[in-house]
mmCIF file of all heavy atoms, coordinates in Angstrom:
data_MODEL
# 
_entry.id   MODEL 
# 
loop_
_atom_site.group_PDB 
_atom_site.id 
_atom_site.type_symbol 
_atom_site.label_atom_id 
_atom_site.label_alt_id 
_atom_site.label_comp_id 
_atom_site.label_asym_id 
_atom_site.label_entity_id 
_atom_site.label_seq_id 
_atom_site.pdbx_PDB_ins_code 
_atom_site.Cartn_x 
_atom_site.Cartn_y 
_atom_site.Cartn_z 
_atom_site.occupancy 
_atom_site.B_iso_or_equiv 
_atom_site.pdbx_formal_charge 
_atom_site.auth_seq_id 
_atom_site.auth_comp_id 
_atom_site.auth_asym_id 
_atom_site.auth_atom_id 
_atom_site.pdbx_PDB_model_num 
ATOM 1   N N   . GLU A 1 1  ? 51.183 28.701 43.120 1.00 0.00 ? 1  GLU A N   1 
ATOM 2   C CA  . GLU A 1 1  ? 51.747 28.545 41.768 1.00 0.00 ? 1  GLU A CA  1 
ATOM 3   C C   . GLU A 1 1  ? 50.941 27.515 40.959 1.00 0.00 ? 1  GLU A C   1 
ATOM 4   O O   . GLU A 1 1  ? 50.729 27.689 39.762 1.00 0.00 ? 1  GLU A O   1 
ATOM 5   C CB  . GLU A 1 1  ? 53.205 28.121 41.860 1.00 0.00 ? 1  GLU A CB  1 
ATOM 6   C CG  . GLU A 1 1  ? 54.125 29.238 42.373 1.00 0.00 ? 1  GLU A CG  1 
ATOM 7   C CD  . GLU A 1 1  ? 55.605 28.870 42.264 1.00 0.00 ? 1  GLU A CD  1 
ATOM 8   O OE1 . GLU A 1 1  ? 55.920 27.989 41.454 1.00 0.00 ? 1  GLU A OE1 1 
ATOM 9   O OE2 . GLU A 1 1  ? 56.406 29.445 42.995 1.00 0.00 ? 1  GLU A OE2 1 
ATOM 10  N N   . LEU A 1 2  ? 50.518 26.450 41.613 1.00 0.00 ? 2  LEU A N   1 
ATOM 11  C CA  . LEU A 1 2  ? 49.671 25.469 40.931 1.00 0.00 ? 2  LEU A CA  1 
ATOM 12  C C   . LEU A 1 2  ? 48.390 26.117 40.437 1.00 0.00 ? 2  LEU A C   1 
ATOM 13  O O   . LEU A 1 2  ? 47.949 25.919 39.293 1.00 0.00 ? 2  LEU A O   1 
ATOM 14  C CB  . LEU A 1 2  ? 49.377 24.281 41.849 1.00 0.00 ? 2  LEU A CB  1 
ATOM 15  C CG  . LEU A 1 2  ? 48.385 23.237 41.312 1.00 0.00 ? 2  LEU A CG  1 
ATOM 16  C CD1 . LEU A 1 2  ? 48.895 22.615 40.035 1.00 0.00 ? 2  LEU A CD1 1 
ATOM 17  C CD2 . LEU A 1 2  ? 48.103 22.166 42.373 1.00 0.00 ? 2  LEU A CD2 1 
ATOM 18  N N   . ALA A 1 3  ? 47.769 26.911 41.305 1.00 0.00 ? 3  ALA A N   1 
ATOM 19  C CA  . ALA A 1 3  ? 46.526 27.570 40.929 1.00 0.00 ? 3  ALA A CA  1 
ATOM 20  C C   . ALA A 1 3  ? 46.738 28.515 39.755 1.00 0.00 ? 3  ALA A C   1 
ATOM 21  O O   . ALA A 1 3  ? 45.958 28.553 38.794 1.00 0.00 ? 3  ALA A O   1 
ATOM 22  C CB  . ALA A 1 3  ? 45.961 28.340 42.132 1.00 0.00 ? 3  ALA A CB  1 
ATOM 23  N N   . LEU A 1 4  ? 47.807 29.301 39.815 1.00 0.00 ? 4  LEU A N   1 
ATOM 24  C CA  . LEU A 1 4  ? 48.093 30.255 38.736 1.00 0.00 ? 4  LEU A CA  1 
ATOM 25  C C   . LEU A 1 4  ? 48.435 29.527 37.445 1.00 0.00 ? 4  LEU A C   1 
ATOM 26  O O   . LEU A 1 4  ? 48.001 29.919 36.350 1.00 0.00 ? 4  LEU A O   1 
ATOM 27  C CB  . LEU A 1 4  ? 49.227 31.183 39.154 1.00 0.00 ? 4  LEU A CB  1 
ATOM 28  C CG  . LEU A 1 4  ? 49.665 32.235 38.124 1.00 0.00 ? 4  LEU A CG  1 
ATOM 29  C CD1 . LEU A 1 4  ? 48.509 33.128 37.734 1.00 0.00 ? 4  LEU A CD1 1 
ATOM 30  C CD2 . LEU A 1 4  ? 50.828 33.078 38.685 1.00 0.00 ? 4  LEU A CD2 1 
ATOM 31  N N   . ALA A 1 5  ? 49.193 28.457 37.543 1.00 0.00 ? 5  ALA A N   1 
ATOM 32  C CA  . ALA A 1 5  ? 49.574 27.688 36.347 1.00 0.00 ? 5  ALA A CA  1 
ATOM 33  C C   . ALA A 1 5  ? 48.346 27.085 35.669 1.00 0.00 ? 5  ALA A C   1 
ATOM 34  O O   . ALA A 1 5  ? 48.237 27.096 34.450 1.00 0.00 ? 5  ALA A O   1 
ATOM 35  C CB  . ALA A 1 5  ? 50.566 26.583 36.723 1.00 0.00 ? 5  ALA A CB  1 
ATOM 36  N N   . MET A 1 6  ? 47.421 26.556 36.470 1.00 0.00 ? 6  MET A N   1 
ATOM 37  C CA  . MET A 1 6  ? 46.213 25.986 35.900 1.00 0.00 ? 6  MET A CA  1 
ATOM 38  C C   . MET A 1 6  ? 45.373 27.081 35.235 1.00 0.00 ? 6  MET A C   1 
ATOM 39  O O   . MET A 1 6  ? 44.752 26.864 34.190 1.00 0.00 ? 6  MET A O   1 
ATOM 40  C CB  . MET A 1 6  ? 45.396 25.260 36.975 1.00 0.00 ? 6  MET A CB  1 
ATOM 41  C CG  . MET A 1 6  ? 46.103 24.024 37.513 1.00 0.00 ? 6  MET A CG  1 
ATOM 42  S SD  . MET A 1 6  ? 45.043 22.997 38.563 1.00 0.00 ? 6  MET A SD  1 
ATOM 43  C CE  . MET A 1 6  ? 43.924 22.309 37.332 1.00 0.00 ? 6  MET A CE  1 
ATOM 44  N N   . HIS A 1 7  ? 45.370 28.275 35.831 1.00 0.00 ? 7  HIS A N   1 
ATOM 45  C CA  . HIS A 1 7  ? 44.642 29.394 35.237 1.00 0.00 ? 7  HIS A CA  1 
ATOM 46  C C   . HIS A 1 7  ? 45.273 29.756 33.879 1.00 0.00 ? 7  HIS A C   1 
ATOM 47  O O   . HIS A 1 7  ? 44.558 29.937 32.885 1.00 0.00 ? 7  HIS A O   1 
ATOM 48  C CB  . HIS A 1 7  ? 44.648 30.604 36.159 1.00 0.00 ? 7  HIS A CB  1 
ATOM 49  C CG  . HIS A 1 7  ? 43.960 31.793 35.582 1.00 0.00 ? 7  HIS A CG  1 
ATOM 50  N ND1 . HIS A 1 7  ? 42.632 32.060 35.785 1.00 0.00 ? 7  HIS A ND1 1 
ATOM 51  C CD2 . HIS A 1 7  ? 44.418 32.797 34.781 1.00 0.00 ? 7  HIS A CD2 1 
ATOM 52  C CE1 . HIS A 1 7  ? 42.291 33.171 35.133 1.00 0.00 ? 7  HIS A CE1 1 
ATOM 53  N NE2 . HIS A 1 7  ? 43.365 33.624 34.517 1.00 0.00 ? 7  HIS A NE2 1 
ATOM 54  N N   . GLU A 1 8  ? 46.579 29.879 33.858 1.00 0.00 ? 8  GLU A N   1 
ATOM 55  C CA  . GLU A 1 8  ? 47.246 30.263 32.617 1.00 0.00 ? 8  GLU A CA  1 
ATOM 56  C C   . GLU A 1 8  ? 47.037 29.209 31.525 1.00 0.00 ? 8  GLU A C   1 
ATOM 57  O O   . GLU A 1 8  ? 46.803 29.517 30.363 1.00 0.00 ? 8  GLU A O   1 
ATOM 58  C CB  . GLU A 1 8  ? 48.760 30.437 32.860 1.00 0.00 ? 8  GLU A CB  1 
ATOM 59  C CG  . GLU A 1 8  ? 49.130 31.463 33.937 1.00 0.00 ? 8  GLU A CG  1 
ATOM 60  C CD  . GLU A 1 8  ? 48.929 32.907 33.479 1.00 0.00 ? 8  GLU A CD  1 
ATOM 61  O OE1 . GLU A 1 8  ? 47.931 33.208 32.818 1.00 0.00 ? 8  GLU A OE1 1 
ATOM 62  O OE2 . GLU A 1 8  ? 49.794 33.740 33.795 1.00 0.00 ? 8  GLU A OE2 1 
ATOM 63  N N   . GLU A 1 9  ? 47.117 27.926 31.918 1.00 0.00 ? 9  GLU A N   1 
ATOM 64  C CA  . GLU A 1 9  ? 46.944 26.848 30.956 1.00 0.00 ? 9  GLU A CA  1 
ATOM 65  C C   . GLU A 1 9  ? 45.549 26.911 30.321 1.00 0.00 ? 9  GLU A C   1 
ATOM 66  O O   . GLU A 1 9  ? 45.401 26.820 29.094 1.00 0.00 ? 9  GLU A O   1 
ATOM 67  C CB  . GLU A 1 9  ? 47.115 25.502 31.651 1.00 0.00 ? 9  GLU A CB  1 
ATOM 68  C CG  . GLU A 1 9  ? 46.908 24.310 30.732 1.00 0.00 ? 9  GLU A CG  1 
ATOM 69  C CD  . GLU A 1 9  ? 46.862 22.978 31.480 1.00 0.00 ? 9  GLU A CD  1 
ATOM 70  O OE1 . GLU A 1 9  ? 47.049 22.961 32.709 1.00 0.00 ? 9  GLU A OE1 1 
ATOM 71  O OE2 . GLU A 1 9  ? 46.613 21.947 30.815 1.00 0.00 ? 9  GLU A OE2 1 
ATOM 72  N N   . ARG A 1 10 ? 44.534 27.116 31.152 1.00 0.00 ? 10 ARG A N   1 
ATOM 73  C CA  . ARG A 1 10 ? 43.169 27.141 30.638 1.00 0.00 ? 10 ARG A CA  1 
ATOM 74  C C   . ARG A 1 10 ? 42.806 28.472 29.982 1.00 0.00 ? 10 ARG A C   1 
ATOM 75  O O   . ARG A 1 10 ? 41.805 28.562 29.286 1.00 0.00 ? 10 ARG A O   1 
ATOM 76  C CB  . ARG A 1 10 ? 42.205 26.798 31.766 1.00 0.00 ? 10 ARG A CB  1 
ATOM 77  C CG  . ARG A 1 10 ? 42.164 25.289 31.985 1.00 0.00 ? 10 ARG A CG  1 
ATOM 78  C CD  . ARG A 1 10 ? 41.980 24.856 33.416 1.00 0.00 ? 10 ARG A CD  1 
ATOM 79  N NE  . ARG A 1 10 ? 42.093 23.392 33.485 1.00 0.00 ? 10 ARG A NE  1 
ATOM 80  C CZ  . ARG A 1 10 ? 43.247 22.728 33.520 1.00 0.00 ? 10 ARG A CZ  1 
ATOM 81  N NH1 . ARG A 1 10 ? 44.394 23.391 33.475 1.00 0.00 ? 10 ARG A NH1 1 
ATOM 82  N NH2 . ARG A 1 10 ? 43.274 21.400 33.555 1.00 0.00 ? 10 ARG A NH2 1 
ATOM 83  N N   . ASP A 1 11 ? 43.650 29.463 30.166 1.00 0.00 ? 11 ASP A N   1 
ATOM 84  C CA  . ASP A 1 11 ? 43.462 30.746 29.493 1.00 0.00 ? 11 ASP A CA  1 
ATOM 85  C C   . ASP A 1 11 ? 44.291 30.799 28.203 1.00 0.00 ? 11 ASP A C   1 
ATOM 86  O O   . ASP A 1 11 ? 44.452 31.862 27.602 1.00 0.00 ? 11 ASP A O   1 
ATOM 87  C CB  . ASP A 1 11 ? 43.880 31.884 30.435 1.00 0.00 ? 11 ASP A CB  1 
ATOM 88  C CG  . ASP A 1 11 ? 43.334 33.224 30.000 1.00 0.00 ? 11 ASP A CG  1 
ATOM 89  O OD1 . ASP A 1 11 ? 42.217 33.263 29.439 1.00 0.00 ? 11 ASP A OD1 1 
ATOM 90  O OD2 . ASP A 1 11 ? 44.019 34.244 30.206 1.00 0.00 ? 11 ASP A OD2 1 
ATOM 91  N N   . HIS A 1 12 ? 44.833 29.656 27.795 1.00 0.00 ? 12 HIS A N   1 
ATOM 92  C CA  . HIS A 1 12 ? 45.652 29.541 26.579 1.00 0.00 ? 12 HIS A CA  1 
ATOM 93  C C   . HIS A 1 12 ? 46.836 30.524 26.620 1.00 0.00 ? 12 HIS A C   1 
ATOM 94  O O   . HIS A 1 12 ? 47.180 31.137 25.612 1.00 0.00 ? 12 HIS A O   1 
ATOM 95  C CB  . HIS A 1 12 ? 44.798 29.786 25.333 1.00 0.00 ? 12 HIS A CB  1 
ATOM 96  C CG  . HIS A 1 12 ? 43.574 28.928 25.278 1.00 0.00 ? 12 HIS A CG  1 
ATOM 97  N ND1 . HIS A 1 12 ? 43.623 27.578 25.073 1.00 0.00 ? 12 HIS A ND1 1 
ATOM 98  C CD2 . HIS A 1 12 ? 42.255 29.239 25.434 1.00 0.00 ? 12 HIS A CD2 1 
ATOM 99  C CE1 . HIS A 1 12 ? 42.393 27.067 25.100 1.00 0.00 ? 12 HIS A CE1 1 
ATOM 100 N NE2 . HIS A 1 12 ? 41.548 28.062 25.317 1.00 0.00 ? 12 HIS A NE2 1 
ATOM 101 N N   . ALA A 1 13 ? 47.408 30.652 27.807 1.00 0.00 ? 13 ALA A N   1 
ATOM 102 C CA  . ALA A 1 13 ? 48.516 31.599 27.985 1.00 0.00 ? 13 ALA A CA  1 
ATOM 103 C C   . ALA A 1 13 ? 49.725 30.877 28.557 1.00 0.00 ? 13 ALA A C   1 
ATOM 104 O O   . ALA A 1 13 ? 50.381 31.368 29.500 1.00 0.00 ? 13 ALA A O   1 
ATOM 105 C CB  . ALA A 1 13 ? 48.083 32.751 28.905 1.00 0.00 ? 13 ALA A CB  1 
ATOM 106 N N   . LEU A 1 14 ? 50.016 29.690 28.006 1.00 0.00 ? 14 LEU A N   1 
ATOM 107 C CA  . LEU A 1 14 ? 51.111 28.887 28.536 1.00 0.00 ? 14 LEU A CA  1 
ATOM 108 C C   . LEU A 1 14 ? 52.448 29.619 28.444 1.00 0.00 ? 14 LEU A C   1 
ATOM 109 O O   . LEU A 1 14 ? 53.328 29.445 29.312 1.00 0.00 ? 14 LEU A O   1 
ATOM 110 C CB  . LEU A 1 14 ? 51.191 27.567 27.759 1.00 0.00 ? 14 LEU A CB  1 
ATOM 111 C CG  . LEU A 1 14 ? 51.955 26.425 28.413 1.00 0.00 ? 14 LEU A CG  1 
ATOM 112 C CD1 . LEU A 1 14 ? 51.318 26.043 29.734 1.00 0.00 ? 14 LEU A CD1 1 
ATOM 113 C CD2 . LEU A 1 14 ? 52.026 25.231 27.489 1.00 0.00 ? 14 LEU A CD2 1 
ATOM 114 N N   . ALA A 1 15 ? 52.608 30.467 27.446 1.00 0.00 ? 15 ALA A N   1 
ATOM 115 C CA  . ALA A 1 15 ? 53.876 31.187 27.286 1.00 0.00 ? 15 ALA A CA  1 
ATOM 116 C C   . ALA A 1 15 ? 54.181 32.039 28.502 1.00 0.00 ? 15 ALA A C   1 
ATOM 117 O O   . ALA A 1 15 ? 55.362 32.267 28.813 1.00 0.00 ? 15 ALA A O   1 
ATOM 118 C CB  . ALA A 1 15 ? 53.822 32.043 26.028 1.00 0.00 ? 15 ALA A CB  1 
ATOM 119 N N   . ARG A 1 16 ? 53.149 32.522 29.192 1.00 0.00 ? 16 ARG A N   1 
ATOM 120 C CA  . ARG A 1 16 ? 53.397 33.367 30.381 1.00 0.00 ? 16 ARG A CA  1 
ATOM 121 C C   . ARG A 1 16 ? 54.061 32.575 31.502 1.00 0.00 ? 16 ARG A C   1 
ATOM 122 O O   . ARG A 1 16 ? 54.793 33.130 32.305 1.00 0.00 ? 16 ARG A O   1 
ATOM 123 C CB  . ARG A 1 16 ? 52.082 33.976 30.881 1.00 0.00 ? 16 ARG A CB  1 
ATOM 124 C CG  . ARG A 1 16 ? 51.543 35.085 29.988 1.00 0.00 ? 16 ARG A CG  1 
ATOM 125 C CD  . ARG A 1 16 ? 50.577 35.981 30.737 1.00 0.00 ? 16 ARG A CD  1 
ATOM 126 N NE  . ARG A 1 16 ? 49.349 35.307 31.127 1.00 0.00 ? 16 ARG A NE  1 
ATOM 127 C CZ  . ARG A 1 16 ? 48.133 35.577 30.641 1.00 0.00 ? 16 ARG A CZ  1 
ATOM 128 N NH1 . ARG A 1 16 ? 47.997 36.510 29.680 1.00 0.00 ? 16 ARG A NH1 1 
ATOM 129 N NH2 . ARG A 1 16 ? 47.085 34.946 31.071 1.00 0.00 ? 16 ARG A NH2 1 
ATOM 130 N N   . VAL A 1 17 ? 53.780 31.274 31.558 1.00 0.00 ? 17 VAL A N   1 
ATOM 131 C CA  . VAL A 1 17 ? 54.382 30.438 32.604 1.00 0.00 ? 17 VAL A CA  1 
ATOM 132 C C   . VAL A 1 17 ? 55.899 30.391 32.425 1.00 0.00 ? 17 VAL A C   1 
ATOM 133 O O   . VAL A 1 17 ? 56.657 30.347 33.403 1.00 0.00 ? 17 VAL A O   1 
ATOM 134 C CB  . VAL A 1 17 ? 53.808 29.012 32.549 1.00 0.00 ? 17 VAL A CB  1 
ATOM 135 C CG1 . VAL A 1 17 ? 54.514 28.092 33.552 1.00 0.00 ? 17 VAL A CG1 1 
ATOM 136 C CG2 . VAL A 1 17 ? 52.298 29.037 32.843 1.00 0.00 ? 17 VAL A CG2 1 
ATOM 137 N N   . PHE A 1 18 ? 56.368 30.445 31.184 1.00 0.00 ? 18 PHE A N   1 
ATOM 138 C CA  . PHE A 1 18 ? 57.786 30.280 30.886 1.00 0.00 ? 18 PHE A CA  1 
ATOM 139 C C   . PHE A 1 18 ? 58.456 31.584 30.438 1.00 0.00 ? 18 PHE A C   1 
ATOM 140 O O   . PHE A 1 18 ? 59.592 31.567 30.000 1.00 0.00 ? 18 PHE A O   1 
ATOM 141 C CB  . PHE A 1 18 ? 57.961 29.205 29.828 1.00 0.00 ? 18 PHE A CB  1 
ATOM 142 C CG  . PHE A 1 18 ? 57.474 27.859 30.274 1.00 0.00 ? 18 PHE A CG  1 
ATOM 143 C CD1 . PHE A 1 18 ? 56.189 27.422 29.967 1.00 0.00 ? 18 PHE A CD1 1 
ATOM 144 C CD2 . PHE A 1 18 ? 58.265 27.044 31.057 1.00 0.00 ? 18 PHE A CD2 1 
ATOM 145 C CE1 . PHE A 1 18 ? 55.720 26.203 30.400 1.00 0.00 ? 18 PHE A CE1 1 
ATOM 146 C CE2 . PHE A 1 18 ? 57.816 25.809 31.495 1.00 0.00 ? 18 PHE A CE2 1 
ATOM 147 C CZ  . PHE A 1 18 ? 56.525 25.390 31.180 1.00 0.00 ? 18 PHE A CZ  1 
ATOM 148 N N   . ALA A 1 19 ? 57.737 32.695 30.603 1.00 0.00 ? 19 ALA A N   1 
ATOM 149 C CA  . ALA A 1 19 ? 58.331 33.987 30.266 1.00 0.00 ? 19 ALA A CA  1 
ATOM 150 C C   . ALA A 1 19 ? 59.367 34.367 31.308 1.00 0.00 ? 19 ALA A C   1 
ATOM 151 O O   . ALA A 1 19 ? 59.299 33.930 32.463 1.00 0.00 ? 19 ALA A O   1 
ATOM 152 C CB  . ALA A 1 19 ? 57.228 35.045 30.199 1.00 0.00 ? 19 ALA A CB  1 
ATOM 153 N N   . PRO A 1 20 ? 60.359 35.180 30.954 1.00 0.00 ? 20 PRO A N   1 
ATOM 154 C CA  . PRO A 1 20 ? 61.342 35.645 31.943 1.00 0.00 ? 20 PRO A CA  1 
ATOM 155 C C   . PRO A 1 20 ? 60.629 36.329 33.102 1.00 0.00 ? 20 PRO A C   1 
ATOM 156 O O   . PRO A 1 20 ? 59.701 37.115 32.892 1.00 0.00 ? 20 PRO A O   1 
ATOM 157 C CB  . PRO A 1 20 ? 62.206 36.623 31.143 1.00 0.00 ? 20 PRO A CB  1 
ATOM 158 C CG  . PRO A 1 20 ? 62.065 36.196 29.727 1.00 0.00 ? 20 PRO A CG  1 
ATOM 159 C CD  . PRO A 1 20 ? 60.661 35.681 29.576 1.00 0.00 ? 20 PRO A CD  1 
ATOM 160 N N   . GLY A 1 21 ? 61.055 36.014 34.315 1.00 0.00 ? 21 GLY A N   1 
ATOM 161 C CA  . GLY A 1 21 ? 60.438 36.635 35.496 1.00 0.00 ? 21 GLY A CA  1 
ATOM 162 C C   . GLY A 1 21 ? 59.135 35.988 35.915 1.00 0.00 ? 21 GLY A C   1 
ATOM 163 O O   . GLY A 1 21 ? 58.441 36.517 36.801 1.00 0.00 ? 21 GLY A O   1 
ATOM 164 N N   . SER A 1 22 ? 58.757 34.870 35.313 1.00 0.00 ? 22 SER A N   1 
ATOM 165 C CA  . SER A 1 22 ? 57.502 34.208 35.680 1.00 0.00 ? 22 SER A CA  1 
ATOM 166 C C   . SER A 1 22 ? 57.526 33.833 37.157 1.00 0.00 ? 22 SER A C   1 
ATOM 167 O O   . SER A 1 22 ? 58.524 33.327 37.674 1.00 0.00 ? 22 SER A O   1 
ATOM 168 C CB  . SER A 1 22 ? 57.321 32.938 34.844 1.00 0.00 ? 22 SER A CB  1 
ATOM 169 O OG  . SER A 1 22 ? 56.281 32.124 35.371 1.00 0.00 ? 22 SER A OG  1 
ATOM 170 N N   . PRO A 1 23 ? 56.403 34.060 37.853 1.00 0.00 ? 23 PRO A N   1 
ATOM 171 C CA  . PRO A 1 23 ? 56.349 33.697 39.276 1.00 0.00 ? 23 PRO A CA  1 
ATOM 172 C C   . PRO A 1 23 ? 56.223 32.189 39.476 1.00 0.00 ? 23 PRO A C   1 
ATOM 173 O O   . PRO A 1 23 ? 56.353 31.713 40.609 1.00 0.00 ? 23 PRO A O   1 
ATOM 174 C CB  . PRO A 1 23 ? 55.109 34.430 39.783 1.00 0.00 ? 23 PRO A CB  1 
ATOM 175 C CG  . PRO A 1 23 ? 54.229 34.561 38.594 1.00 0.00 ? 23 PRO A CG  1 
ATOM 176 C CD  . PRO A 1 23 ? 55.160 34.738 37.419 1.00 0.00 ? 23 PRO A CD  1 
ATOM 177 N N   . ILE A 1 24 ? 55.970 31.451 38.441 1.00 0.00 ? 24 ILE A N   1 
ATOM 178 C CA  . ILE A 1 24 ? 55.780 30.006 38.566 1.00 0.00 ? 24 ILE A CA  1 
ATOM 179 C C   . ILE A 1 24 ? 57.130 29.336 38.388 1.00 0.00 ? 24 ILE A C   1 
ATOM 180 O O   . ILE A 1 24 ? 57.644 29.206 37.280 1.00 0.00 ? 24 ILE A O   1 
ATOM 181 C CB  . ILE A 1 24 ? 54.768 29.490 37.525 1.00 0.00 ? 24 ILE A CB  1 
ATOM 182 C CG1 . ILE A 1 24 ? 53.418 30.177 37.728 1.00 0.00 ? 24 ILE A CG1 1 
ATOM 183 C CG2 . ILE A 1 24 ? 54.625 27.973 37.605 1.00 0.00 ? 24 ILE A CG2 1 
ATOM 184 C CD1 . ILE A 1 24 ? 52.413 29.901 36.640 1.00 0.00 ? 24 ILE A CD1 1 
# 
């Protein structure tokens, strides 16, 4: 989850981290 979160953050996709059903 840390790896995926860092990927999303650097891909400017922070909203995906907090979307319904997020694996993080």
